[in-house]
Amino acid sequence: MSQPLIVTRDFVKEYRMGGYSVTALHGVSLGIAAGEFVAVMGPSGSGKSTFMNLLGCLDTPTSGDYYLAGEEVSKLSGDALAATRNRRIGFVFQNFNLLARTSAVENVELPLLYSHCPAGERRQRALARLAEVGLEQRAGHLPQQLSGGQQQRVAIARALVNQPVLILADEPTGALDTRTSFELMGLLQQLNRTGMTVVLVTHERDVAAFASRIVSFRDGRVVDDRRVAQPADAREMLQDFDKRAA
């Protein structure tokens, strides 16, 4: 196993609500190696989304340490945290989070704007990522002209365009039908096979079954952490689905 890409030590996250304090995470310590595909599971209120936000540098812990690719990011300032987020992490969300009046290729270019990438290089890299997810012919289409699965592929291309070390996917199949969900999970598995680290948040066991490791949260704590000897193969499941539908 390679060196940990992610290390959290005694992660605590508290939220102030009026005069009360609510603890969302209770001292979570976890390591994730480069190249792993990890599913984070748990019911609503378990802390899994809070944990994802901290891994994604969208928030900072109340206490505890976070190392990403050897860099301690838990103590960074807001601007430094944003720079790390843009440089090292790609996000895939349930509702795609695409700009409605912006073409597919322009949506993919967005992270490169923040890194001051020249316009010509932005376009070239965005088109290359769209081709990687099979959407090079849809580069000029607006989100409303794309299916849900195609919009999620645009979101994955956008997540990849800055060559991140980590993909964070938050309920990425939640807005998709069964067949399209298999397609999406097949794409994430394909990326993982090339060495990309993927951390997926889901409440669905069928989706978690595609990961090689499942970490379960309850009441702000890790209650189970297990390897999956033989993850489900999304490509095979897609083929079976198509045969049954024929």
Protein backbone atom coordinates (compact mmCIF):
# COMPACT_ATOMS: atom_id res chain seq x y z
CA MET A 1 0.00 0.00 0.00
CA SER A 2 1.31 3.44 -0.89
CA GLN A 3 1.81 6.28 1.58
CA PRO A 4 -1.39 7.93 2.88
CA LEU A 5 -2.76 10.69 0.71
CA ILE A 6 -5.19 11.70 3.45
CA VAL A 7 -4.51 11.64 7.18
CA THR A 8 -6.95 12.99 9.75
CA ARG A 9 -6.08 12.94 13.44
CA ASP A 10 -8.65 13.47 16.17
CA PHE A 11 -10.98 15.45 13.91
CA VAL A 12 -13.57 17.36 15.95
CA LYS A 13 -16.16 19.64 14.42
CA GLU A 14 -18.56 21.68 16.53
CA TYR A 15 -21.29 24.04 15.36
CA ARG A 16 -22.75 26.87 17.41
CA MET A 17 -26.54 27.05 17.27
CA GLY A 18 -27.79 29.93 19.37
CA GLY A 19 -26.44 29.34 22.85
CA TYR A 20 -25.79 25.67 22.21
CA SER A 21 -22.90 23.72 20.74
CA VAL A 22 -23.54 20.68 18.53
CA THR A 23 -20.69 18.27 17.88
CA ALA A 24 -20.85 16.79 14.37
CA LEU A 25 -17.57 14.85 14.55
CA HIS A 26 -16.03 13.28 17.65
CA GLY A 27 -12.28 12.75 17.22
CA VAL A 28 -12.21 11.01 13.84
CA SER A 29 -8.80 9.61 12.86
CA LEU A 30 -8.50 8.04 9.42
CA GLY A 31 -5.92 7.40 6.74
CA ILE A 32 -6.62 6.96 3.02
CA ALA A 33 -3.86 5.82 0.70
CA ALA A 34 -3.25 7.24 -2.74
CA GLY A 35 -5.17 5.21 -5.32
CA GLU A 36 -7.92 3.97 -3.00
CA PHE A 37 -11.63 4.04 -3.81
CA VAL A 38 -13.41 4.69 -0.51
CA ALA A 39 -17.15 4.93 0.11
CA VAL A 40 -18.20 6.92 3.18
CA MET A 41 -21.60 5.78 4.44
CA GLY A 42 -24.00 6.70 7.20
CA PRO A 43 -27.53 7.89 7.89
CA SER A 44 -28.51 11.56 7.92
CA GLY A 45 -26.80 13.31 10.82
CA SER A 46 -24.02 10.72 11.06
CA GLY A 47 -21.26 13.21 10.22
CA LYS A 48 -20.35 11.88 6.77
CA SER A 49 -21.13 15.14 4.96
CA THR A 50 -19.25 17.17 7.57
CA PHE A 51 -16.29 14.85 7.11
CA MET A 52 -16.50 15.30 3.33
CA ASN A 53 -16.56 19.09 3.68
CA LEU A 54 -13.43 18.97 5.83
CA LEU A 55 -11.62 16.65 3.40
CA GLY A 56 -12.58 19.03 0.59
CA CYS A 57 -11.18 22.07 2.42
CA LEU A 58 -14.65 23.62 2.34
CA ASP A 59 -14.50 23.93 6.13
CA THR A 60 -11.94 23.63 8.92
CA PRO A 61 -12.08 21.38 11.99
CA THR A 62 -12.69 22.81 15.44
CA SER A 63 -9.68 20.79 16.52
CA GLY A 64 -7.50 18.05 15.10
CA ASP A 65 -5.14 17.81 12.15
CA TYR A 66 -5.58 17.16 8.43
CA TYR A 67 -2.74 16.29 6.07
CA LEU A 68 -3.37 16.13 2.32
CA ALA A 69 -0.52 14.81 0.16
CA GLY A 70 1.85 15.53 3.04
CA GLU A 71 0.71 19.13 3.52
CA GLU A 72 -0.97 20.17 6.76
CA VAL A 73 -4.07 21.97 5.55
CA SER A 74 -6.16 22.12 8.73
CA LYS A 75 -4.39 25.29 9.89
CA LEU A 76 -4.31 27.15 6.57
CA SER A 77 -5.85 30.58 6.10
CA GLY A 78 -8.97 30.98 3.97
CA ASP A 79 -7.07 32.03 0.84
CA ALA A 80 -4.49 29.26 1.21
CA LEU A 81 -7.25 26.74 1.80
CA ALA A 82 -9.03 27.87 -1.37
CA ALA A 83 -5.81 27.54 -3.36
CA THR A 84 -5.23 24.02 -2.06
CA ARG A 85 -8.83 23.10 -2.83
CA ASN A 86 -8.55 24.33 -6.41
CA ARG A 87 -5.15 22.76 -7.01
CA ARG A 88 -5.51 19.35 -5.38
CA ILE A 89 -9.22 18.42 -5.22
CA GLY A 90 -11.93 17.78 -7.79
CA PHE A 91 -15.58 17.82 -6.72
CA VAL A 92 -18.58 15.94 -8.12
CA PHE A 93 -21.97 16.86 -6.62
CA GLN A 94 -25.40 15.24 -6.71
CA ASN A 95 -26.99 18.15 -8.58
CA PHE A 96 -24.04 18.70 -10.95
CA ASN A 97 -23.58 22.42 -10.00
CA LEU A 98 -23.11 23.51 -13.61
CA LEU A 99 -23.65 27.10 -14.72
CA ALA A 100 -26.90 27.07 -16.69
CA ARG A 101 -25.97 29.70 -19.29
CA THR A 102 -22.47 28.38 -19.86
CA SER A 103 -21.50 25.69 -22.37
CA ALA A 104 -20.10 22.33 -21.34
CA VAL A 105 -16.54 23.26 -22.28
CA GLU A 106 -16.80 26.61 -20.47
CA ASN A 107 -18.08 24.84 -17.35
CA VAL A 108 -15.08 22.52 -17.48
CA GLU A 109 -12.74 25.50 -17.86
CA LEU A 110 -13.93 27.18 -14.65
CA PRO A 111 -11.33 25.77 -12.20
CA LEU A 112 -8.58 26.86 -14.58
CA LEU A 113 -9.75 30.47 -14.40
CA TYR A 114 -8.78 30.58 -10.73
CA SER A 115 -5.31 29.25 -11.49
CA HIS A 116 -4.76 31.95 -14.15
CA CYS A 117 -4.29 29.44 -16.94
CA PRO A 118 -3.98 31.09 -20.40
CA ALA A 119 -7.17 31.00 -22.48
CA GLY A 120 -5.79 28.77 -25.22
CA GLU A 121 -4.46 26.21 -22.76
CA ARG A 122 -7.75 26.33 -20.79
CA ARG A 123 -9.74 25.42 -23.86
CA GLN A 124 -7.33 22.66 -24.90
CA ARG A 125 -7.33 21.03 -21.47
CA ALA A 126 -11.11 21.32 -21.09
CA LEU A 127 -11.73 19.70 -24.48
CA ALA A 128 -9.30 16.90 -23.61
CA ARG A 129 -11.19 16.15 -20.39
CA LEU A 130 -14.54 16.19 -22.20
CA ALA A 131 -13.13 13.69 -24.67
CA GLU A 132 -11.98 11.53 -21.76
CA VAL A 133 -15.58 11.26 -20.52
CA GLY A 134 -16.97 10.75 -24.02
CA LEU A 135 -18.52 14.20 -24.54
CA GLU A 136 -16.22 15.88 -27.04
CA GLN A 137 -19.16 16.22 -29.46
CA ARG A 138 -21.22 18.06 -26.81
CA ALA A 139 -18.66 20.71 -25.89
CA GLY A 140 -20.80 23.61 -27.10
CA HIS A 141 -24.07 22.44 -25.54
CA LEU A 142 -25.66 24.15 -22.55
CA PRO A 143 -26.53 22.01 -19.50
CA GLN A 144 -30.25 22.11 -20.35
CA GLN A 145 -29.41 20.48 -23.69
CA LEU A 146 -27.74 17.52 -21.95
CA SER A 147 -29.19 14.52 -20.13
CA GLY A 148 -28.59 14.08 -16.41
CA GLY A 149 -25.85 11.54 -17.07
CA GLN A 150 -24.17 13.84 -19.56
CA GLN A 151 -24.30 16.73 -17.09
CA GLN A 152 -22.65 14.55 -14.46
CA ARG A 153 -19.95 13.62 -16.98
CA VAL A 154 -19.32 17.33 -17.57
CA ALA A 155 -19.02 17.71 -13.80
CA ILE A 156 -16.46 14.89 -13.70
CA ALA A 157 -14.49 16.48 -16.56
CA ARG A 158 -14.52 19.75 -14.60
CA ALA A 159 -13.32 17.90 -11.48
CA LEU A 160 -10.41 16.43 -13.46
CA VAL A 161 -9.30 19.48 -15.43
CA ASN A 162 -6.85 20.75 -12.80
CA GLN A 163 -5.22 17.31 -12.50
CA PRO A 164 -6.19 16.87 -8.83
CA VAL A 165 -4.83 14.21 -6.50
CA LEU A 166 -8.30 13.51 -5.09
CA ILE A 167 -11.86 13.25 -6.40
CA LEU A 168 -14.62 13.85 -3.84
CA ALA A 169 -18.05 12.69 -5.00
CA ASP A 170 -21.07 13.64 -2.86
CA GLU A 171 -24.09 11.40 -3.64
CA PRO A 172 -23.17 11.56 -7.35
CA THR A 173 -25.88 9.10 -8.45
CA GLY A 174 -28.68 10.68 -6.42
CA ALA A 175 -30.25 12.46 -9.41
CA LEU A 176 -29.66 9.68 -11.95
CA ASP A 177 -31.62 6.64 -13.12
CA THR A 178 -30.29 3.10 -12.64
CA ARG A 179 -28.61 2.71 -16.03
CA THR A 180 -26.96 6.13 -15.89
CA SER A 181 -25.79 5.40 -12.34
CA PHE A 182 -24.00 2.29 -13.61
CA GLU A 183 -22.37 4.38 -16.34
CA LEU A 184 -21.20 6.98 -13.83
CA MET A 185 -19.84 4.43 -11.37
CA GLY A 186 -18.07 2.69 -14.25
CA LEU A 187 -16.38 5.98 -15.10
CA LEU A 188 -15.30 6.52 -11.48
CA GLN A 189 -13.97 2.95 -11.32
CA GLN A 190 -12.08 3.52 -14.57
CA LEU A 191 -10.50 6.68 -13.15
CA ASN A 192 -9.59 4.80 -10.00
CA ARG A 193 -7.90 2.07 -12.05
CA THR A 194 -5.61 4.73 -13.54
CA GLY A 195 -4.50 5.65 -10.00
CA MET A 196 -6.95 8.43 -9.10
CA THR A 197 -8.01 8.49 -5.44
CA VAL A 198 -11.80 8.60 -5.11
CA VAL A 199 -13.79 9.26 -1.94
CA LEU A 200 -17.52 8.83 -2.40
CA VAL A 201 -20.25 9.83 0.07
CA THR A 202 -23.44 7.82 -0.23
CA HIS A 203 -26.28 6.43 1.84
CA GLU A 204 -26.93 3.64 -0.66
CA ARG A 205 -25.29 0.26 -0.08
CA ASP A 206 -25.66 -0.63 -3.76
CA VAL A 207 -23.50 2.38 -4.65
CA ALA A 208 -20.97 1.76 -1.88
CA ALA A 209 -20.50 -1.77 -3.24
CA PHE A 210 -18.47 -0.35 -6.14
CA ALA A 211 -15.76 0.88 -3.76
CA SER A 212 -12.84 -1.18 -2.47
CA ARG A 213 -13.24 0.15 1.07
CA ILE A 214 -16.31 1.21 3.04
CA VAL A 215 -16.10 3.54 6.05
CA SER A 216 -19.32 3.86 8.04
CA PHE A 217 -20.21 6.80 10.29
CA ARG A 218 -22.75 7.03 13.07
CA ASP A 219 -23.24 9.89 15.53
CA GLY A 220 -20.05 11.60 14.40
CA ARG A 221 -17.82 8.57 14.82
CA VAL A 222 -16.39 5.87 12.56
CA VAL A 223 -18.18 2.66 13.55
CA ASP A 224 -16.89 0.38 10.79
CA ASP A 225 -13.98 0.42 8.36
CA ARG A 226 -13.63 -2.58 6.07
CA ARG A 227 -12.02 -3.63 2.83
CA VAL A 228 -14.15 -5.06 0.03
CA ALA A 229 -12.48 -8.17 -1.37
CA GLN A 230 -14.27 -7.97 -4.71
CA PRO A 231 -16.05 -4.69 -5.48
CA ALA A 232 -19.01 -4.78 -7.85
CA ASP A 233 -17.98 -4.10 -11.46
CA ALA A 234 -20.14 -1.32 -12.86
CA ARG A 235 -19.37 -2.20 -16.48
CA GLU A 236 -20.58 -5.77 -15.99
CA MET A 237 -23.70 -4.58 -14.21
CA LEU A 238 -24.42 -2.15 -17.05
CA GLN A 239 -24.11 -4.97 -19.58
CA ASP A 240 -26.47 -7.17 -17.54
CA PHE A 241 -28.94 -4.29 -17.23
CA ASP A 242 -28.94 -3.75 -20.99
CA LYS A 243 -29.46 -7.47 -21.67
CA ARG A 244 -32.47 -7.59 -19.35
CA ALA A 245 -33.91 -4.45 -20.94
CA ALA A 246 -33.49 -5.77 -24.52
